[in-house]
Amino acid sequence: MYDAGLQETSPPYAIFLGGVGAATAIIFPALGAAYGTAVSGMGIAQMAVSKPEMLMKSLIPVVMAGIIAIYGLVVSVLIAGSISDSYTIHDGFIHLGAGLSVGLPGLAAGIAIGIAGDAGVRGTGQQPRLFVGMILILIFAEVLGLYGLIVAIYLYTKM
């Protein structure tokens, strides 16, 4: 079972690095999505009291925050699926970088979606013409997470 040649390229902590990469790929985007959902949900609840007919239009920030978590899930499953007995230190560091590159932008995007969604929903409740502007701001916030996903997949394919 022990191979001295494999030990040089695959130390015991290589799998740990890959596991941390998979964990950060799902933990940080999920935190961002949860924050974005909670903060924009508070704005939706306040706006729906005065304008209940706009409730369905106001759910867009919550949906967009949830998409951020999906980005992290995709990368996390890719990383976890490639961890094996022949896992090298190179693979571990690449997967750690991929996990961080989708995780941290996902956290930032979720926070941005929450803050912009809250303000946008409340503003749209008072002035419906702000709806298109809110959507554009949310798209710009969402694309931050998408950039992280693209870099993570690019890193993942560099093995």
N, C-alpha and C. Protein backbone atom coordinates (compact mmCIF):
# COMPACT_ATOMS: atom_id res chain seq x y z
N MET A 1 0.82 -1.19 0.00
CA MET A 1 0.00 0.00 0.00
C MET A 1 0.87 1.26 0.00
N TYR A 2 1.99 1.24 0.69
CA TYR A 2 2.87 2.40 0.77
C TYR A 2 3.83 2.39 -0.40
N ASP A 3 3.88 3.50 -1.14
CA ASP A 3 4.78 3.64 -2.28
C ASP A 3 5.65 4.87 -2.03
N ALA A 4 6.95 4.66 -1.89
CA ALA A 4 7.86 5.76 -1.58
C ALA A 4 7.89 6.79 -2.70
N GLY A 5 7.76 6.36 -3.95
CA GLY A 5 7.76 7.30 -5.07
C GLY A 5 6.51 8.17 -5.08
N LEU A 6 5.37 7.60 -4.74
CA LEU A 6 4.13 8.37 -4.68
C LEU A 6 4.14 9.33 -3.51
N GLN A 7 4.80 8.95 -2.42
CA GLN A 7 4.85 9.79 -1.23
C GLN A 7 5.51 11.14 -1.50
N GLU A 8 6.48 11.16 -2.42
CA GLU A 8 7.16 12.42 -2.72
C GLU A 8 6.22 13.42 -3.39
N THR A 9 5.33 12.96 -4.26
CA THR A 9 4.43 13.86 -4.96
C THR A 9 3.06 13.96 -4.29
N SER A 10 2.79 13.04 -3.38
CA SER A 10 1.48 13.02 -2.75
C SER A 10 1.60 12.89 -1.24
N PRO A 11 1.95 13.98 -0.55
CA PRO A 11 2.02 13.90 0.91
C PRO A 11 0.61 13.76 1.50
N PRO A 12 0.54 13.37 2.74
CA PRO A 12 -0.78 13.13 3.36
C PRO A 12 -1.70 14.36 3.36
N TYR A 13 -1.11 15.55 3.37
CA TYR A 13 -1.96 16.73 3.43
C TYR A 13 -2.47 17.17 2.06
N ALA A 14 -2.12 16.49 1.00
CA ALA A 14 -2.62 16.85 -0.33
C ALA A 14 -4.13 16.71 -0.38
N ILE A 15 -4.64 15.61 0.15
CA ILE A 15 -6.08 15.39 0.16
C ILE A 15 -6.76 16.43 1.06
N PHE A 16 -6.08 16.81 2.14
CA PHE A 16 -6.63 17.85 3.01
C PHE A 16 -6.81 19.15 2.25
N LEU A 17 -5.83 19.53 1.45
CA LEU A 17 -5.92 20.76 0.66
C LEU A 17 -7.10 20.70 -0.31
N GLY A 18 -7.27 19.55 -0.96
CA GLY A 18 -8.40 19.39 -1.86
C GLY A 18 -9.73 19.46 -1.12
N GLY A 19 -9.77 18.87 0.06
CA GLY A 19 -10.98 18.93 0.87
C GLY A 19 -11.30 20.35 1.31
N VAL A 20 -10.28 21.10 1.67
CA VAL A 20 -10.49 22.51 2.04
C VAL A 20 -10.96 23.30 0.82
N GLY A 21 -10.41 22.99 -0.34
CA GLY A 21 -10.87 23.66 -1.56
C GLY A 21 -12.34 23.37 -1.84
N ALA A 22 -12.74 22.11 -1.69
CA ALA A 22 -14.15 21.76 -1.90
C ALA A 22 -15.04 22.43 -0.86
N ALA A 23 -14.55 22.49 0.38
CA ALA A 23 -15.34 23.11 1.45
C ALA A 23 -15.50 24.61 1.23
N THR A 24 -14.41 25.29 0.86
CA THR A 24 -14.52 26.73 0.65
C THR A 24 -15.37 27.04 -0.58
N ALA A 25 -15.38 26.11 -1.54
CA ALA A 25 -16.18 26.32 -2.74
C ALA A 25 -17.67 26.32 -2.42
N ILE A 26 -18.09 25.63 -1.38
CA ILE A 26 -19.51 25.60 -1.06
C ILE A 26 -19.85 26.48 0.14
N ILE A 27 -18.95 26.61 1.09
CA ILE A 27 -19.27 27.35 2.32
C ILE A 27 -19.44 28.84 2.04
N PHE A 28 -18.47 29.47 1.39
CA PHE A 28 -18.54 30.91 1.19
C PHE A 28 -19.69 31.35 0.28
N PRO A 29 -19.91 30.69 -0.88
CA PRO A 29 -21.08 31.10 -1.68
C PRO A 29 -22.40 30.86 -0.95
N ALA A 30 -22.48 29.80 -0.16
CA ALA A 30 -23.71 29.55 0.60
C ALA A 30 -23.92 30.63 1.66
N LEU A 31 -22.85 31.08 2.29
CA LEU A 31 -22.97 32.20 3.24
C LEU A 31 -23.44 33.46 2.53
N GLY A 32 -22.85 33.75 1.37
CA GLY A 32 -23.25 34.92 0.60
C GLY A 32 -24.70 34.83 0.15
N ALA A 33 -25.12 33.64 -0.31
CA ALA A 33 -26.50 33.45 -0.74
C ALA A 33 -27.47 33.60 0.44
N ALA A 34 -27.09 33.08 1.59
CA ALA A 34 -27.94 33.20 2.77
C ALA A 34 -28.07 34.65 3.20
N TYR A 35 -26.97 35.37 3.18
CA TYR A 35 -27.00 36.79 3.55
C TYR A 35 -27.85 37.58 2.54
N GLY A 36 -27.62 37.33 1.25
CA GLY A 36 -28.39 38.03 0.22
C GLY A 36 -29.87 37.74 0.32
N THR A 37 -30.22 36.50 0.61
CA THR A 37 -31.63 36.14 0.76
C THR A 37 -32.24 36.81 1.98
N ALA A 38 -31.52 36.80 3.09
CA ALA A 38 -32.05 37.38 4.33
C ALA A 38 -32.23 38.88 4.22
N VAL A 39 -31.22 39.57 3.71
CA VAL A 39 -31.29 41.04 3.66
C VAL A 39 -32.34 41.49 2.64
N SER A 40 -32.32 40.91 1.44
CA SER A 40 -33.33 41.31 0.47
C SER A 40 -34.71 40.85 0.89
N GLY A 41 -34.80 39.75 1.63
CA GLY A 41 -36.09 39.29 2.14
C GLY A 41 -36.71 40.27 3.12
N MET A 42 -35.88 40.93 3.90
CA MET A 42 -36.41 41.95 4.81
C MET A 42 -37.01 43.11 4.02
N GLY A 43 -36.34 43.52 2.94
CA GLY A 43 -36.88 44.58 2.10
C GLY A 43 -38.17 44.16 1.42
N ILE A 44 -38.22 42.90 0.99
CA ILE A 44 -39.43 42.38 0.35
C ILE A 44 -40.59 42.40 1.33
N ALA A 45 -40.34 41.97 2.56
CA ALA A 45 -41.40 41.93 3.56
C ALA A 45 -41.93 43.33 3.85
N GLN A 46 -41.05 44.30 3.95
CA GLN A 46 -41.49 45.66 4.23
C GLN A 46 -42.26 46.24 3.04
N MET A 47 -41.76 45.99 1.83
CA MET A 47 -42.41 46.52 0.65
C MET A 47 -43.78 45.87 0.43
N ALA A 48 -43.90 44.58 0.71
CA ALA A 48 -45.14 43.85 0.47
C ALA A 48 -46.27 44.31 1.37
N VAL A 49 -45.95 44.94 2.48
CA VAL A 49 -47.01 45.45 3.36
C VAL A 49 -47.78 46.56 2.66
N SER A 50 -47.07 47.45 1.98
CA SER A 50 -47.74 48.57 1.32
C SER A 50 -48.13 48.27 -0.12
N LYS A 51 -47.39 47.40 -0.80
CA LYS A 51 -47.66 47.07 -2.21
C LYS A 51 -47.66 45.56 -2.42
N PRO A 52 -48.67 44.84 -1.94
CA PRO A 52 -48.66 43.37 -2.07
C PRO A 52 -48.71 42.88 -3.51
N GLU A 53 -49.20 43.71 -4.43
CA GLU A 53 -49.26 43.29 -5.84
C GLU A 53 -47.88 43.20 -6.48
N MET A 54 -46.87 43.77 -5.86
CA MET A 54 -45.50 43.73 -6.41
C MET A 54 -44.65 42.63 -5.79
N LEU A 55 -45.25 41.75 -5.04
CA LEU A 55 -44.49 40.73 -4.31
C LEU A 55 -43.71 39.82 -5.26
N MET A 56 -44.34 39.33 -6.30
CA MET A 56 -43.66 38.38 -7.19
C MET A 56 -42.49 39.03 -7.94
N LYS A 57 -42.65 40.29 -8.36
CA LYS A 57 -41.55 40.98 -9.02
C LYS A 57 -40.37 41.19 -8.07
N SER A 58 -40.67 41.28 -6.80
CA SER A 58 -39.65 41.59 -5.82
C SER A 58 -38.84 40.37 -5.39
N LEU A 59 -39.21 39.19 -5.84
CA LEU A 59 -38.47 37.99 -5.46
C LEU A 59 -37.20 37.77 -6.28
N ILE A 60 -36.96 38.59 -7.27
CA ILE A 60 -35.79 38.42 -8.14
C ILE A 60 -34.47 38.44 -7.36
N PRO A 61 -34.25 39.34 -6.39
CA PRO A 61 -32.98 39.29 -5.65
C PRO A 61 -32.77 37.97 -4.89
N VAL A 62 -33.84 37.38 -4.41
CA VAL A 62 -33.72 36.11 -3.69
C VAL A 62 -33.29 35.00 -4.64
N VAL A 63 -33.88 34.99 -5.83
CA VAL A 63 -33.50 33.98 -6.84
C VAL A 63 -32.05 34.17 -7.25
N MET A 64 -31.65 35.40 -7.46
CA MET A 64 -30.28 35.66 -7.89
C MET A 64 -29.28 35.29 -6.80
N ALA A 65 -29.64 35.50 -5.55
CA ALA A 65 -28.75 35.10 -4.45
C ALA A 65 -28.62 33.58 -4.41
N GLY A 66 -29.68 32.87 -4.69
CA GLY A 66 -29.63 31.41 -4.70
C GLY A 66 -28.74 30.86 -5.79
N ILE A 67 -28.67 31.55 -6.90
CA ILE A 67 -27.82 31.11 -8.02
C ILE A 67 -26.36 31.12 -7.61
N ILE A 68 -25.98 32.06 -6.76
CA ILE A 68 -24.59 32.13 -6.29
C ILE A 68 -24.20 30.82 -5.59
N ALA A 69 -25.10 30.27 -4.79
CA ALA A 69 -24.80 29.01 -4.10
C ALA A 69 -24.64 27.87 -5.09
N ILE A 70 -25.36 27.92 -6.20
CA ILE A 70 -25.23 26.87 -7.21
C ILE A 70 -23.84 26.88 -7.84
N TYR A 71 -23.28 28.07 -8.05
CA TYR A 71 -21.92 28.16 -8.57
C TYR A 71 -20.95 27.41 -7.66
N GLY A 72 -21.07 27.66 -6.37
CA GLY A 72 -20.19 26.98 -5.42
C GLY A 72 -20.42 25.48 -5.39
N LEU A 73 -21.68 25.07 -5.50
CA LEU A 73 -22.00 23.64 -5.49
C LEU A 73 -21.35 22.92 -6.66
N VAL A 74 -21.40 23.53 -7.84
CA VAL A 74 -20.82 22.91 -9.04
C VAL A 74 -19.33 22.67 -8.84
N VAL A 75 -18.61 23.69 -8.40
CA VAL A 75 -17.16 23.55 -8.23
C VAL A 75 -16.84 22.58 -7.09
N SER A 76 -17.59 22.63 -6.03
CA SER A 76 -17.34 21.74 -4.90
C SER A 76 -17.52 20.28 -5.30
N VAL A 77 -18.55 19.98 -6.08
CA VAL A 77 -18.77 18.61 -6.54
C VAL A 77 -17.67 18.17 -7.49
N LEU A 78 -17.22 19.07 -8.36
CA LEU A 78 -16.12 18.73 -9.26
C LEU A 78 -14.86 18.39 -8.47
N ILE A 79 -14.54 19.21 -7.49
CA ILE A 79 -13.32 18.99 -6.69
C ILE A 79 -13.44 17.70 -5.90
N ALA A 80 -14.55 17.52 -5.20
CA ALA A 80 -14.72 16.33 -4.37
C ALA A 80 -14.72 15.06 -5.21
N GLY A 81 -15.23 15.13 -6.42
CA GLY A 81 -15.25 13.95 -7.29
C GLY A 81 -13.89 13.55 -7.82
N SER A 82 -12.94 14.46 -7.79
CA SER A 82 -11.61 14.13 -8.33
C SER A 82 -10.59 13.76 -7.25
N ILE A 83 -10.99 13.75 -5.99
CA ILE A 83 -10.09 13.34 -4.93
C ILE A 83 -10.02 11.81 -4.92
N SER A 84 -8.79 11.29 -5.01
CA SER A 84 -8.61 9.84 -5.07
C SER A 84 -7.30 9.46 -4.35
N ASP A 85 -6.95 8.19 -4.42
CA ASP A 85 -5.72 7.72 -3.78
C ASP A 85 -4.47 8.26 -4.45
N SER A 86 -4.55 8.55 -5.74
CA SER A 86 -3.39 9.06 -6.46
C SER A 86 -3.39 10.59 -6.54
N TYR A 87 -3.97 11.21 -5.55
CA TYR A 87 -4.09 12.66 -5.50
C TYR A 87 -2.74 13.27 -5.16
N THR A 88 -2.30 14.24 -5.96
CA THR A 88 -0.98 14.83 -5.75
C THR A 88 -1.09 16.18 -5.04
N ILE A 89 0.03 16.68 -4.58
CA ILE A 89 0.07 17.99 -3.93
C ILE A 89 -0.29 19.08 -4.94
N HIS A 90 0.11 18.88 -6.18
CA HIS A 90 -0.25 19.82 -7.25
C HIS A 90 -1.77 19.91 -7.38
N ASP A 91 -2.43 18.76 -7.41
CA ASP A 91 -3.90 18.75 -7.49
C ASP A 91 -4.51 19.45 -6.28
N GLY A 92 -3.95 19.20 -5.11
CA GLY A 92 -4.48 19.80 -3.89
C GLY A 92 -4.42 21.31 -3.92
N PHE A 93 -3.29 21.85 -4.34
CA PHE A 93 -3.17 23.31 -4.40
C PHE A 93 -4.05 23.92 -5.49
N ILE A 94 -4.15 23.24 -6.63
CA ILE A 94 -5.02 23.73 -7.71
C ILE A 94 -6.47 23.74 -7.23
N HIS A 95 -6.88 22.69 -6.55
CA HIS A 95 -8.26 22.63 -6.07
C HIS A 95 -8.52 23.62 -4.94
N LEU A 96 -7.53 23.86 -4.12
CA LEU A 96 -7.69 24.89 -3.10
C LEU A 96 -7.87 26.26 -3.76
N GLY A 97 -7.07 26.54 -4.76
CA GLY A 97 -7.21 27.80 -5.49
C GLY A 97 -8.56 27.91 -6.19
N ALA A 98 -9.02 26.82 -6.77
CA ALA A 98 -10.33 26.83 -7.44
C ALA A 98 -11.45 27.06 -6.43
N GLY A 99 -11.35 26.42 -5.28
CA GLY A 99 -12.37 26.62 -4.25
C GLY A 99 -12.42 28.03 -3.73
N LEU A 100 -11.24 28.60 -3.52
CA LEU A 100 -11.19 29.99 -3.05
C LEU A 100 -11.65 30.97 -4.13
N SER A 101 -11.33 30.66 -5.39
CA SER A 101 -11.69 31.60 -6.46
C SER A 101 -13.17 31.62 -6.76
N VAL A 102 -13.91 30.58 -6.42
CA VAL A 102 -15.37 30.65 -6.54
C VAL A 102 -16.00 31.04 -5.21
N GLY A 103 -15.35 30.70 -4.10
CA GLY A 103 -15.93 30.94 -2.79
C GLY A 103 -15.96 32.40 -2.38
N LEU A 104 -14.83 33.06 -2.47
CA LEU A 104 -14.76 34.45 -2.01
C LEU A 104 -15.54 35.42 -2.91
N PRO A 105 -15.46 35.30 -4.24
CA PRO A 105 -16.34 36.15 -5.06
C PRO A 105 -17.82 35.83 -4.84
N GLY A 106 -18.14 34.56 -4.55
CA GLY A 106 -19.52 34.20 -4.26
C GLY A 106 -20.02 34.86 -2.99
N LEU A 107 -19.17 34.93 -1.99
CA LEU A 107 -19.53 35.63 -0.75
C LEU A 107 -19.75 37.11 -1.02
N ALA A 108 -18.84 37.73 -1.76
CA ALA A 108 -18.97 39.16 -2.07
C ALA A 108 -20.21 39.43 -2.92
N ALA A 109 -20.48 38.57 -3.90
CA ALA A 109 -21.65 38.76 -4.74
C ALA A 109 -22.94 38.61 -3.95
N GLY A 110 -22.98 37.65 -3.03
CA GLY A 110 -24.18 37.48 -2.19
C GLY A 110 -24.43 38.69 -1.32
N ILE A 111 -23.37 39.24 -0.75
CA ILE A 111 -23.53 40.44 0.07
C ILE A 111 -24.02 41.61 -0.79
N ALA A 112 -23.43 41.76 -1.97
CA ALA A 112 -23.84 42.85 -2.86
C ALA A 112 -25.29 42.69 -3.31
N ILE A 113 -25.69 41.47 -3.62
CA ILE A 113 -27.07 41.23 -4.04
C ILE A 113 -28.03 41.54 -2.90
N GLY A 114 -27.65 41.17 -1.68
CA GLY A 114 -28.51 41.44 -0.54
C GLY A 114 -28.72 42.92 -0.32
N ILE A 115 -27.65 43.67 -0.32
CA ILE A 115 -27.75 45.11 -0.06
C ILE A 115 -28.47 45.82 -1.21
N ALA A 116 -28.06 45.52 -2.45
CA ALA A 116 -28.70 46.16 -3.60
C ALA A 116 -30.15 45.70 -3.76
N GLY A 117 -30.41 44.44 -3.47
CA GLY A 117 -31.78 43.93 -3.58
C GLY A 117 -32.69 44.55 -2.55
N ASP A 118 -32.21 44.71 -1.35
CA ASP A 118 -33.01 45.34 -0.30
C ASP A 118 -33.38 46.78 -0.69
N ALA A 119 -32.37 47.56 -1.05
CA ALA A 119 -32.63 48.95 -1.42
C ALA A 119 -33.46 49.03 -2.70
N GLY A 120 -33.18 48.15 -3.65
CA GLY A 120 -33.91 48.17 -4.91
C GLY A 120 -35.38 47.82 -4.75
N VAL A 121 -35.65 46.82 -3.94
CA VAL A 121 -37.04 46.41 -3.72
C VAL A 121 -37.82 47.50 -2.99
N ARG A 122 -37.20 48.07 -1.98
CA ARG A 122 -37.87 49.16 -1.24
C ARG A 122 -38.09 50.37 -2.16
N GLY A 123 -37.10 50.69 -2.99
CA GLY A 123 -37.25 51.81 -3.91
C GLY A 123 -38.29 51.55 -4.98
N THR A 124 -38.32 50.33 -5.49
CA THR A 124 -39.31 49.96 -6.50
C THR A 124 -40.73 50.02 -5.94
N GLY A 125 -40.85 49.71 -4.65
CA GLY A 125 -42.16 49.81 -4.01
C GLY A 125 -42.67 51.25 -4.00
N GLN A 126 -41.78 52.20 -3.91
CA GLN A 126 -42.18 53.61 -3.90
C GLN A 126 -42.25 54.19 -5.31
N GLN A 127 -41.33 53.76 -6.18
CA GLN A 127 -41.30 54.27 -7.56
C GLN A 127 -41.07 53.08 -8.50
N PRO A 128 -42.12 52.54 -9.12
CA PRO A 128 -41.99 51.34 -9.96
C PRO A 128 -41.03 51.48 -11.14
N ARG A 129 -40.73 52.69 -11.55
CA ARG A 129 -39.79 52.86 -12.67
C ARG A 129 -38.36 52.47 -12.30
N LEU A 130 -38.08 52.31 -11.03
CA LEU A 130 -36.74 51.89 -10.59
C LEU A 130 -36.47 50.41 -10.82
N PHE A 131 -37.48 49.66 -11.23
CA PHE A 131 -37.34 48.21 -11.37
C PHE A 131 -36.21 47.82 -12.33
N VAL A 132 -36.16 48.44 -13.50
CA VAL A 132 -35.13 48.10 -14.48
C VAL A 132 -33.74 48.43 -13.95
N GLY A 133 -33.60 49.55 -13.28
CA GLY A 133 -32.31 49.90 -12.68
C GLY A 133 -31.90 48.90 -11.61
N MET A 134 -32.86 48.44 -10.81
CA MET A 134 -32.55 47.44 -9.79
C MET A 134 -32.06 46.15 -10.43
N ILE A 135 -32.71 45.73 -11.51
CA ILE A 135 -32.31 44.50 -12.20
C ILE A 135 -30.89 44.64 -12.75
N LEU A 136 -30.57 45.77 -13.32
CA LEU A 136 -29.22 45.97 -13.86
C LEU A 136 -28.17 45.92 -12.75
N ILE A 137 -28.44 46.56 -11.63
CA ILE A 137 -27.50 46.53 -10.52
C ILE A 137 -27.32 45.10 -10.00
N LEU A 138 -28.42 44.35 -9.91
CA LEU A 138 -28.34 42.96 -9.45
C LEU A 138 -27.55 42.10 -10.42
N ILE A 139 -27.69 42.37 -11.72
CA ILE A 139 -26.91 41.60 -12.71
C ILE A 139 -25.43 41.88 -12.54
N PHE A 140 -25.07 43.15 -12.31
CA PHE A 140 -23.66 43.47 -12.11
C PHE A 140 -23.11 42.83 -10.84
N ALA A 141 -23.94 42.70 -9.82
CA ALA A 141 -23.51 42.03 -8.60
C ALA A 141 -23.38 40.52 -8.83
N GLU A 142 -24.30 39.95 -9.57
CA GLU A 142 -24.29 38.50 -9.84
C GLU A 142 -23.08 38.09 -10.67
N VAL A 143 -22.69 38.95 -11.59
CA VAL A 143 -21.59 38.60 -12.49
C VAL A 143 -20.27 38.46 -11.74
N LEU A 144 -20.15 39.06 -10.57
CA LEU A 144 -18.94 38.87 -9.76
C LEU A 144 -18.78 37.40 -9.39
N GLY A 145 -19.87 36.77 -9.01
CA GLY A 145 -19.83 35.34 -8.70
C GLY A 145 -19.56 34.51 -9.94
N LEU A 146 -20.10 34.94 -11.07
CA LEU A 146 -19.88 34.22 -12.32
C LEU A 146 -18.41 34.28 -12.73
N TYR A 147 -17.77 35.42 -12.52
CA TYR A 147 -16.34 35.53 -12.81
C TYR A 147 -15.55 34.53 -11.97
N GLY A 148 -15.91 34.43 -10.69
CA GLY A 148 -15.24 33.46 -9.83
C GLY A 148 -15.44 32.04 -10.31
N LEU A 149 -16.65 31.71 -10.78
CA LEU A 149 -16.93 30.38 -11.31
C LEU A 149 -16.08 30.09 -12.54
N ILE A 150 -15.95 31.06 -13.42
CA ILE A 150 -15.15 30.87 -14.64
C ILE A 150 -13.69 30.61 -14.28
N VAL A 151 -13.15 31.38 -13.37
CA VAL A 151 -11.74 31.18 -12.96
C VAL A 151 -11.57 29.82 -12.29
N ALA A 152 -12.53 29.44 -11.46
CA ALA A 152 -12.44 28.16 -10.77
C ALA A 152 -12.47 26.99 -11.75
N ILE A 153 -13.33 27.05 -12.74
CA ILE A 153 -13.38 25.97 -13.73
C ILE A 153 -12.11 25.96 -14.57
N TYR A 154 -11.59 27.12 -14.89
CA TYR A 154 -10.33 27.20 -15.64
C TYR A 154 -9.20 26.57 -14.81
N LEU A 155 -9.13 26.89 -13.54
CA LEU A 155 -8.11 26.29 -12.68
C LEU A 155 -8.30 24.79 -12.58
N TYR A 156 -9.54 24.36 -12.42
CA TYR A 156 -9.83 22.93 -12.27
C TYR A 156 -9.35 22.13 -13.48
N THR A 157 -9.45 22.71 -14.66
CA THR A 157 -9.04 22.01 -15.87
C THR A 157 -7.52 22.02 -16.07
N LYS A 158 -6.77 22.73 -15.23
CA LYS A 158 -5.32 22.82 -15.36
C LYS A 158 -4.58 21.65 -14.73
N MET A 159 -5.28 20.65 -14.30
CA MET A 159 -4.62 19.54 -13.60
C MET A 159 -3.79 18.69 -14.52
